[in-house]
């Protein structure tokens, strides 16, 4: 299947996963450069038009920016998200350890971190993969079930993190 940039319609190299499913919300390098150069907050209004949570992260999982849907999911405003590690943004209990997000003994098994690091290193996308994070809530620690997708876009990774409400409802 041919992958097409969702913004300009240009054909892109296809990085389907093993199941053969195409990546959603693909963005070519040219569109990413335009988006990041046009807005005072990188990708500001452009990503906000998408109704799915999208984070733009660097190769280590540091969040560059997040759209409105991602801010809603995290319960944070943009200044509380930008330049922070994904685990801190999502309130991962392991990110609060002295070593910090990305450096604890739990981090090598983190599905979010793994998706970002592998996608950035290989260029191979992760698509709609089940994942979980143990997060701090007012009621204590809660296992948040997620579905994540990651796609490399230039020097960054577009990370979609969706709360899997179907399995979190019980």
N, C-alpha and C. Protein backbone atom coordinates (compact mmCIF):
# COMPACT_ATOMS: atom_id res chain seq x y z
N UNK A 1 0.85 -1.18 0.00
CA UNK A 1 0.00 0.00 0.00
C UNK A 1 0.89 1.24 0.00
N UNK A 2 0.54 2.22 -0.76
CA UNK A 2 1.31 3.46 -0.82
C UNK A 2 0.90 4.37 0.32
N UNK A 3 1.89 4.92 1.01
CA UNK A 3 1.63 5.86 2.09
C UNK A 3 1.66 7.27 1.52
N UNK A 4 0.68 8.07 1.90
CA UNK A 4 0.56 9.43 1.38
C UNK A 4 0.54 10.40 2.55
N UNK A 5 1.22 11.53 2.40
CA UNK A 5 1.22 12.57 3.42
C UNK A 5 -0.20 13.10 3.57
N UNK A 6 -0.69 13.12 4.80
CA UNK A 6 -2.05 13.56 5.07
C UNK A 6 -2.24 15.06 4.83
N UNK A 7 -1.14 15.81 4.72
CA UNK A 7 -1.25 17.25 4.57
C UNK A 7 -1.09 17.71 3.12
N UNK A 8 -0.12 17.18 2.40
CA UNK A 8 0.12 17.66 1.04
C UNK A 8 -0.25 16.64 -0.03
N UNK A 9 -0.46 15.38 0.36
CA UNK A 9 -0.84 14.34 -0.60
C UNK A 9 0.33 13.68 -1.31
N UNK A 10 1.56 14.07 -0.98
CA UNK A 10 2.74 13.48 -1.64
C UNK A 10 2.89 12.01 -1.25
N UNK A 11 3.36 11.20 -2.20
CA UNK A 11 3.63 9.80 -1.90
C UNK A 11 4.87 9.73 -1.02
N UNK A 12 4.81 8.80 -0.05
CA UNK A 12 5.91 8.63 0.88
C UNK A 12 6.33 7.17 0.90
N UNK A 13 7.51 6.91 1.41
CA UNK A 13 7.96 5.54 1.59
C UNK A 13 7.03 4.87 2.59
N UNK A 14 6.59 3.65 2.30
CA UNK A 14 5.67 2.94 3.17
C UNK A 14 6.44 2.18 4.23
N UNK A 15 6.03 2.35 5.50
CA UNK A 15 6.61 1.63 6.62
C UNK A 15 5.52 0.88 7.35
N UNK A 16 4.77 0.06 6.64
CA UNK A 16 3.70 -0.71 7.27
C UNK A 16 4.29 -1.64 8.31
N UNK A 17 3.50 -1.91 9.33
CA UNK A 17 3.96 -2.86 10.34
C UNK A 17 3.79 -4.29 9.84
N UNK A 18 4.15 -5.24 10.69
CA UNK A 18 4.12 -6.64 10.28
C UNK A 18 2.73 -7.09 9.85
N UNK A 19 1.68 -6.49 10.43
CA UNK A 19 0.31 -6.90 10.09
C UNK A 19 -0.14 -6.28 8.78
N UNK A 20 0.67 -5.41 8.21
CA UNK A 20 0.33 -4.81 6.92
C UNK A 20 -0.63 -3.65 7.01
N UNK A 21 -0.81 -3.09 8.22
CA UNK A 21 -1.72 -1.96 8.36
C UNK A 21 -0.98 -0.67 8.04
N UNK A 22 -1.60 0.24 7.29
CA UNK A 22 -0.94 1.50 6.98
C UNK A 22 -0.91 2.43 8.21
N UNK A 23 0.01 3.36 8.19
CA UNK A 23 0.14 4.33 9.27
C UNK A 23 -0.88 5.43 9.05
N UNK A 24 -1.50 5.91 10.13
CA UNK A 24 -2.43 7.02 10.01
C UNK A 24 -1.70 8.31 10.32
N UNK A 25 -2.19 9.40 9.81
CA UNK A 25 -1.66 10.73 10.07
C UNK A 25 -0.20 10.88 9.69
N UNK A 26 0.20 10.28 8.56
CA UNK A 26 1.56 10.42 8.09
C UNK A 26 1.87 11.85 7.69
N UNK A 27 3.10 12.27 7.89
CA UNK A 27 3.52 13.62 7.52
C UNK A 27 4.89 13.51 6.86
N UNK A 28 5.02 14.06 5.66
CA UNK A 28 6.31 14.01 4.97
C UNK A 28 7.27 15.02 5.61
N UNK A 29 8.56 14.86 5.33
CA UNK A 29 9.58 15.74 5.91
C UNK A 29 9.35 17.20 5.54
N UNK A 30 8.96 17.47 4.29
CA UNK A 30 8.73 18.86 3.86
C UNK A 30 7.62 19.51 4.66
N UNK A 31 6.50 18.80 4.86
CA UNK A 31 5.39 19.36 5.63
C UNK A 31 5.79 19.57 7.09
N UNK A 32 6.54 18.63 7.65
CA UNK A 32 6.99 18.78 9.03
C UNK A 32 7.85 20.03 9.17
N UNK A 33 8.78 20.25 8.24
CA UNK A 33 9.63 21.45 8.29
C UNK A 33 8.79 22.72 8.22
N UNK A 34 7.79 22.72 7.33
CA UNK A 34 6.92 23.90 7.21
C UNK A 34 6.16 24.15 8.50
N UNK A 35 5.62 23.08 9.08
CA UNK A 35 4.85 23.22 10.31
C UNK A 35 5.72 23.74 11.43
N UNK A 36 6.89 23.16 11.61
CA UNK A 36 7.76 23.57 12.71
C UNK A 36 8.31 24.97 12.53
N UNK A 37 8.41 25.47 11.31
CA UNK A 37 8.96 26.80 11.09
C UNK A 37 7.90 27.90 11.12
N UNK A 38 6.63 27.57 10.97
CA UNK A 38 5.57 28.59 10.86
C UNK A 38 4.97 29.05 12.18
N UNK A 39 5.01 28.23 13.19
CA UNK A 39 4.27 28.53 14.40
C UNK A 39 5.19 28.88 15.55
N UNK A 40 4.79 29.90 16.36
CA UNK A 40 5.60 30.25 17.52
C UNK A 40 5.75 29.05 18.47
N UNK A 41 4.67 28.32 18.70
CA UNK A 41 4.74 27.05 19.40
C UNK A 41 4.79 26.01 18.30
N UNK A 42 5.84 25.21 18.21
CA UNK A 42 5.97 24.29 17.09
C UNK A 42 4.68 23.52 16.79
N UNK A 43 4.26 23.58 15.57
CA UNK A 43 3.11 22.85 15.05
C UNK A 43 1.80 23.30 15.66
N UNK A 44 1.81 24.39 16.41
CA UNK A 44 0.65 24.93 17.10
C UNK A 44 -0.71 24.57 16.58
N UNK A 45 -1.33 25.46 15.81
CA UNK A 45 -2.68 25.26 15.33
C UNK A 45 -2.82 24.11 14.37
N UNK A 46 -1.74 23.76 13.71
CA UNK A 46 -1.78 22.69 12.71
C UNK A 46 -2.16 21.36 13.34
N UNK A 47 -1.45 20.94 14.36
CA UNK A 47 -1.75 19.69 15.03
C UNK A 47 -3.02 19.75 15.86
N UNK A 48 -3.37 20.96 16.32
CA UNK A 48 -4.58 21.11 17.12
C UNK A 48 -5.84 20.76 16.34
N UNK A 49 -5.76 20.80 15.03
CA UNK A 49 -6.93 20.44 14.22
C UNK A 49 -7.20 18.94 14.21
N UNK A 50 -6.23 18.14 14.64
CA UNK A 50 -6.42 16.69 14.71
C UNK A 50 -7.11 16.34 16.02
N UNK A 51 -8.11 15.47 15.96
CA UNK A 51 -8.85 15.13 17.17
C UNK A 51 -8.28 13.92 17.90
N UNK A 52 -7.08 13.47 17.54
CA UNK A 52 -6.40 12.39 18.25
C UNK A 52 -5.18 12.96 18.96
N UNK A 53 -4.82 12.43 20.13
CA UNK A 53 -3.68 12.96 20.87
C UNK A 53 -2.36 12.70 20.13
N UNK A 54 -1.64 13.78 19.81
CA UNK A 54 -0.36 13.69 19.11
C UNK A 54 0.69 14.47 19.90
N UNK A 55 1.80 13.80 20.16
CA UNK A 55 2.97 14.45 20.73
C UNK A 55 4.08 14.42 19.69
N UNK A 56 4.82 15.49 19.57
CA UNK A 56 6.05 15.47 18.77
C UNK A 56 7.17 15.35 19.78
N UNK A 57 7.95 14.25 19.64
CA UNK A 57 9.01 13.97 20.61
C UNK A 57 10.35 13.80 19.90
N UNK A 58 11.42 14.00 20.65
CA UNK A 58 12.74 13.76 20.08
C UNK A 58 13.11 12.29 20.25
N UNK A 59 14.31 11.93 19.86
CA UNK A 59 14.73 10.53 19.86
C UNK A 59 14.78 9.91 21.25
N UNK A 60 14.83 10.73 22.29
CA UNK A 60 14.91 10.23 23.66
C UNK A 60 13.56 10.21 24.37
N UNK A 61 12.52 10.74 23.72
CA UNK A 61 11.20 10.79 24.35
C UNK A 61 10.90 12.10 25.03
N UNK A 62 11.68 13.14 24.74
CA UNK A 62 11.41 14.47 25.27
C UNK A 62 10.36 15.12 24.37
N UNK A 63 9.30 15.62 24.97
CA UNK A 63 8.19 16.19 24.21
C UNK A 63 8.55 17.59 23.73
N UNK A 64 8.46 17.79 22.43
CA UNK A 64 8.70 19.10 21.83
C UNK A 64 7.41 19.93 21.90
N UNK A 65 6.30 19.30 21.54
CA UNK A 65 5.00 19.96 21.64
C UNK A 65 3.90 18.90 21.63
N UNK A 66 2.69 19.34 21.92
CA UNK A 66 1.54 18.44 21.98
C UNK A 66 0.31 19.18 21.49
N UNK A 67 -0.57 18.46 20.82
CA UNK A 67 -1.80 19.10 20.36
C UNK A 67 -2.84 19.14 21.50
N UNK A 68 -3.97 19.78 21.22
CA UNK A 68 -5.02 19.94 22.24
C UNK A 68 -5.49 18.59 22.77
N UNK A 69 -5.69 17.62 21.89
CA UNK A 69 -6.18 16.31 22.33
C UNK A 69 -5.18 15.64 23.28
N UNK A 70 -3.89 15.79 23.03
CA UNK A 70 -2.87 15.23 23.93
C UNK A 70 -2.84 15.98 25.25
N UNK A 71 -3.03 17.29 25.21
CA UNK A 71 -3.07 18.07 26.45
C UNK A 71 -4.28 17.66 27.28
N UNK A 72 -5.39 17.42 26.62
CA UNK A 72 -6.60 16.97 27.31
C UNK A 72 -6.35 15.60 27.97
N UNK A 73 -5.72 14.68 27.24
CA UNK A 73 -5.43 13.35 27.77
C UNK A 73 -4.52 13.42 28.99
N UNK A 74 -3.51 14.28 28.94
CA UNK A 74 -2.55 14.39 30.04
C UNK A 74 -3.07 15.26 31.19
N UNK A 75 -4.07 16.11 30.90
CA UNK A 75 -4.57 17.02 31.92
C UNK A 75 -3.63 18.17 32.20
N UNK A 76 -2.76 18.48 31.23
CA UNK A 76 -1.76 19.54 31.41
C UNK A 76 -1.85 20.58 30.30
N UNK A 77 -1.36 21.76 30.62
CA UNK A 77 -1.24 22.84 29.64
C UNK A 77 0.11 22.71 28.95
N UNK A 78 0.26 23.37 27.81
CA UNK A 78 1.47 23.25 27.00
C UNK A 78 2.76 23.54 27.77
N UNK A 79 2.83 24.60 28.60
CA UNK A 79 4.09 24.84 29.33
C UNK A 79 4.46 23.71 30.30
N UNK A 80 3.49 22.91 30.72
CA UNK A 80 3.76 21.79 31.61
C UNK A 80 4.20 20.54 30.83
N UNK A 81 4.12 20.61 29.49
CA UNK A 81 4.41 19.46 28.63
C UNK A 81 5.71 19.63 27.86
N UNK A 82 5.88 20.80 27.26
CA UNK A 82 7.04 21.02 26.39
C UNK A 82 8.35 20.85 27.16
N UNK A 83 9.28 20.16 26.52
CA UNK A 83 10.63 19.92 27.01
C UNK A 83 10.65 19.05 28.26
N UNK A 84 9.62 18.24 28.40
CA UNK A 84 9.58 17.26 29.49
C UNK A 84 9.51 15.87 28.88
N UNK A 85 9.98 14.90 29.60
CA UNK A 85 9.95 13.52 29.12
C UNK A 85 8.52 12.99 29.13
N UNK A 86 8.24 12.07 28.21
CA UNK A 86 6.89 11.49 28.10
C UNK A 86 6.38 10.97 29.43
N UNK A 87 7.24 10.27 30.18
CA UNK A 87 6.82 9.71 31.47
C UNK A 87 6.38 10.77 32.45
N UNK A 88 7.05 11.92 32.44
CA UNK A 88 6.65 13.02 33.32
C UNK A 88 5.33 13.64 32.86
N UNK A 89 5.16 13.74 31.57
CA UNK A 89 3.91 14.30 31.02
C UNK A 89 2.73 13.41 31.38
N UNK A 90 2.93 12.09 31.26
CA UNK A 90 1.84 11.14 31.49
C UNK A 90 1.74 10.70 32.96
N UNK A 91 2.58 11.26 33.84
CA UNK A 91 2.58 10.95 35.28
C UNK A 91 2.95 9.50 35.59
N UNK A 92 3.85 8.93 34.81
CA UNK A 92 4.34 7.57 35.07
C UNK A 92 5.00 7.55 36.45
N UNK A 93 4.64 6.57 37.27
CA UNK A 93 5.21 6.50 38.62
C UNK A 93 6.72 6.28 38.59
N UNK A 94 7.22 5.61 37.58
CA UNK A 94 8.65 5.35 37.50
C UNK A 94 9.45 6.61 37.14
N UNK A 95 8.81 7.54 36.44
CA UNK A 95 9.47 8.79 36.08
C UNK A 95 9.78 9.64 37.31
N UNK A 96 9.09 9.36 38.40
CA UNK A 96 9.30 10.12 39.64
C UNK A 96 10.48 9.60 40.47
N UNK A 97 11.02 8.46 40.05
CA UNK A 97 12.18 7.92 40.77
C UNK A 97 13.38 8.85 40.58
N UNK A 98 14.36 8.78 41.47
CA UNK A 98 15.51 9.70 41.39
C UNK A 98 16.22 9.72 40.03
N UNK A 99 16.25 8.58 39.34
CA UNK A 99 16.95 8.52 38.05
C UNK A 99 16.22 9.30 36.97
N UNK A 100 14.91 9.42 37.09
CA UNK A 100 14.11 10.17 36.13
C UNK A 100 13.70 9.34 34.92
N UNK A 101 12.72 9.84 34.19
CA UNK A 101 12.18 9.16 33.01
C UNK A 101 13.29 8.88 32.00
N UNK A 102 13.32 7.63 31.56
CA UNK A 102 14.31 7.21 30.57
C UNK A 102 15.54 6.58 31.18
N UNK A 103 15.69 6.67 32.51
CA UNK A 103 16.92 6.20 33.14
C UNK A 103 16.70 5.24 34.30
N UNK A 104 15.46 4.87 34.58
CA UNK A 104 15.20 3.94 35.69
C UNK A 104 15.33 2.50 35.20
N UNK A 105 15.41 1.54 36.09
CA UNK A 105 15.45 0.14 35.68
C UNK A 105 14.19 -0.31 34.93
N UNK A 106 13.08 0.44 35.07
CA UNK A 106 11.83 0.10 34.42
C UNK A 106 11.75 0.61 32.99
N UNK A 107 12.54 1.61 32.65
CA UNK A 107 12.45 2.29 31.35
C UNK A 107 12.71 1.40 30.13
N UNK A 108 13.67 0.47 30.19
CA UNK A 108 13.88 -0.37 29.00
C UNK A 108 12.64 -1.18 28.59
N UNK A 109 11.73 -1.43 29.54
CA UNK A 109 10.51 -2.18 29.23
C UNK A 109 9.30 -1.29 28.99
N UNK A 110 9.47 0.01 29.04
CA UNK A 110 8.36 0.94 28.83
C UNK A 110 7.92 0.89 27.37
N UNK A 111 6.66 0.57 27.10
CA UNK A 111 6.21 0.46 25.71
C UNK A 111 6.22 1.79 24.97
N UNK A 112 5.99 2.89 25.67
CA UNK A 112 6.03 4.20 25.02
C UNK A 112 7.47 4.53 24.62
N UNK A 113 8.38 4.38 25.56
CA UNK A 113 9.79 4.66 25.27
C UNK A 113 10.32 3.75 24.16
N UNK A 114 9.98 2.47 24.24
CA UNK A 114 10.42 1.52 23.22
C UNK A 114 9.93 1.92 21.84
N UNK A 115 8.66 2.33 21.75
CA UNK A 115 8.10 2.74 20.46
C UNK A 115 8.86 3.94 19.89
N UNK A 116 9.14 4.93 20.74
CA UNK A 116 9.85 6.13 20.29
C UNK A 116 11.28 5.80 19.86
N UNK A 117 12.01 5.12 20.72
CA UNK A 117 13.42 4.83 20.44
C UNK A 117 13.58 3.96 19.20
N UNK A 118 12.78 2.90 19.10
CA UNK A 118 12.88 2.02 17.94
C UNK A 118 12.45 2.71 16.66
N UNK A 119 11.38 3.49 16.72
CA UNK A 119 10.91 4.19 15.52
C UNK A 119 11.96 5.20 15.06
N UNK A 120 12.54 5.93 15.99
CA UNK A 120 13.55 6.92 15.60
C UNK A 120 14.78 6.23 15.02
N UNK A 121 15.21 5.16 15.64
CA UNK A 121 16.44 4.49 15.21
C UNK A 121 16.28 3.77 13.87
N UNK A 122 15.13 3.15 13.65
CA UNK A 122 14.95 2.32 12.46
C UNK A 122 14.12 2.97 11.36
N UNK A 123 13.34 3.98 11.72
CA UNK A 123 12.42 4.58 10.76
C UNK A 123 11.16 3.74 10.57
N UNK A 124 11.11 2.62 11.23
CA UNK A 124 9.96 1.71 11.13
C UNK A 124 8.88 2.13 12.13
N UNK A 125 7.68 2.30 11.66
CA UNK A 125 6.58 2.78 12.48
C UNK A 125 6.03 1.70 13.39
N UNK A 126 5.45 2.14 14.48
CA UNK A 126 4.68 1.30 15.40
C UNK A 126 3.23 1.74 15.22
N UNK A 127 2.33 0.77 15.06
CA UNK A 127 0.95 1.11 14.75
C UNK A 127 -0.04 0.51 15.75
N UNK A 128 -0.79 1.39 16.40
CA UNK A 128 -1.92 1.00 17.23
C UNK A 128 -1.60 -0.19 18.14
N UNK A 129 -0.50 -0.09 18.86
CA UNK A 129 0.00 -1.16 19.70
C UNK A 129 -0.53 -1.02 21.13
N UNK A 130 -1.06 -2.10 21.71
CA UNK A 130 -1.50 -2.03 23.11
C UNK A 130 -0.31 -1.75 24.02
N UNK A 131 -0.52 -0.92 25.03
CA UNK A 131 0.53 -0.57 25.97
C UNK A 131 -0.12 -0.20 27.30
N UNK A 132 0.71 0.00 28.30
CA UNK A 132 0.19 0.47 29.58
C UNK A 132 1.25 1.32 30.28
N UNK A 133 0.76 2.20 31.15
CA UNK A 133 1.62 2.98 32.03
C UNK A 133 1.01 2.92 33.42
N UNK A 134 1.84 2.77 34.44
CA UNK A 134 1.37 2.90 35.80
C UNK A 134 1.49 4.38 36.16
N UNK A 135 0.35 5.00 36.41
CA UNK A 135 0.31 6.45 36.62
C UNK A 135 -0.18 6.80 38.02
N UNK A 136 0.27 7.96 38.47
CA UNK A 136 -0.15 8.49 39.76
C UNK A 136 -1.47 9.23 39.57
N UNK A 137 -2.47 8.87 40.38
CA UNK A 137 -3.77 9.56 40.34
C UNK A 137 -4.10 9.99 41.76
N UNK A 138 -5.11 10.85 41.93
CA UNK A 138 -5.51 11.23 43.30
C UNK A 138 -5.91 10.03 44.16
N UNK A 139 -6.33 8.94 43.52
CA UNK A 139 -6.74 7.74 44.26
C UNK A 139 -5.60 6.73 44.42
N UNK A 140 -4.42 7.07 43.96
CA UNK A 140 -3.28 6.16 44.05
C UNK A 140 -2.77 5.77 42.68
N UNK A 141 -2.04 4.68 42.62
CA UNK A 141 -1.46 4.22 41.36
C UNK A 141 -2.52 3.47 40.56
N UNK A 142 -2.59 3.80 39.28
CA UNK A 142 -3.58 3.19 38.37
C UNK A 142 -2.86 2.76 37.11
N UNK A 143 -3.17 1.59 36.61
CA UNK A 143 -2.61 1.13 35.34
C UNK A 143 -3.47 1.70 34.22
N UNK A 144 -2.91 2.61 33.43
CA UNK A 144 -3.61 3.21 32.30
C UNK A 144 -3.31 2.37 31.06
N UNK A 145 -4.36 1.84 30.46
CA UNK A 145 -4.21 1.05 29.25
C UNK A 145 -4.31 1.98 28.05
N UNK A 146 -3.39 1.81 27.12
CA UNK A 146 -3.25 2.73 25.99
C UNK A 146 -3.16 1.96 24.68
N UNK A 147 -3.27 2.72 23.60
CA UNK A 147 -2.94 2.24 22.27
C UNK A 147 -2.00 3.31 21.71
N UNK A 148 -0.82 2.88 21.26
CA UNK A 148 0.16 3.86 20.79
C UNK A 148 0.57 3.59 19.35
N UNK A 149 0.87 4.68 18.67
CA UNK A 149 1.44 4.63 17.33
C UNK A 149 2.59 5.63 17.30
N UNK A 150 3.64 5.29 16.59
CA UNK A 150 4.79 6.18 16.47
C UNK A 150 5.28 6.14 15.03
N UNK A 151 5.60 7.31 14.52
CA UNK A 151 6.10 7.41 13.15
C UNK A 151 7.19 8.46 13.09
N UNK A 152 8.30 8.12 12.46
CA UNK A 152 9.41 9.06 12.33
C UNK A 152 9.05 10.12 11.31
N UNK A 153 9.34 11.36 11.67
CA UNK A 153 9.11 12.50 10.77
C UNK A 153 10.32 13.42 10.91
N UNK A 154 11.26 13.27 10.00
CA UNK A 154 12.49 14.06 10.07
C UNK A 154 13.28 13.67 11.31
N UNK A 155 13.64 14.67 12.12
CA UNK A 155 14.42 14.42 13.33
C UNK A 155 13.54 14.09 14.53
N UNK A 156 12.24 13.98 14.31
CA UNK A 156 11.30 13.77 15.41
C UNK A 156 10.46 12.52 15.20
N UNK A 157 9.72 12.17 16.24
CA UNK A 157 8.76 11.08 16.17
C UNK A 157 7.40 11.66 16.50
N UNK A 158 6.42 11.38 15.64
CA UNK A 158 5.03 11.72 15.93
C UNK A 158 4.47 10.57 16.74
N UNK A 159 4.05 10.85 17.94
CA UNK A 159 3.58 9.82 18.86
C UNK A 159 2.11 10.05 19.16
N UNK A 160 1.32 9.03 18.85
CA UNK A 160 -0.11 9.09 19.17
C UNK A 160 -0.33 8.18 20.35
N UNK A 161 -0.88 8.74 21.43
CA UNK A 161 -1.17 7.97 22.63
C UNK A 161 -2.65 8.12 22.92
N UNK A 162 -3.37 7.02 22.83
CA UNK A 162 -4.81 7.06 23.05
C UNK A 162 -5.15 6.21 24.26
N UNK A 163 -5.89 6.80 25.20
CA UNK A 163 -6.38 6.08 26.36
C UNK A 163 -7.38 5.04 25.86
N UNK A 164 -7.11 3.79 26.13
CA UNK A 164 -7.99 2.71 25.66
C UNK A 164 -9.17 2.59 26.62
N UNK A 165 -10.15 3.49 26.46
CA UNK A 165 -11.28 3.57 27.39
C UNK A 165 -12.09 2.28 27.44
N UNK A 166 -12.03 1.49 26.38
CA UNK A 166 -12.78 0.22 26.38
C UNK A 166 -12.28 -0.70 27.47
N UNK A 167 -10.98 -0.71 27.71
CA UNK A 167 -10.45 -1.62 28.73
C UNK A 167 -10.21 -0.91 30.06
N UNK A 168 -10.20 0.41 30.09
CA UNK A 168 -10.03 1.14 31.34
C UNK A 168 -11.35 1.37 32.07
N UNK A 169 -12.47 1.09 31.40
CA UNK A 169 -13.78 1.39 31.96
C UNK A 169 -14.14 0.53 33.16
N UNK A 170 -13.53 -0.63 33.31
CA UNK A 170 -13.95 -1.55 34.36
C UNK A 170 -13.25 -1.41 35.59
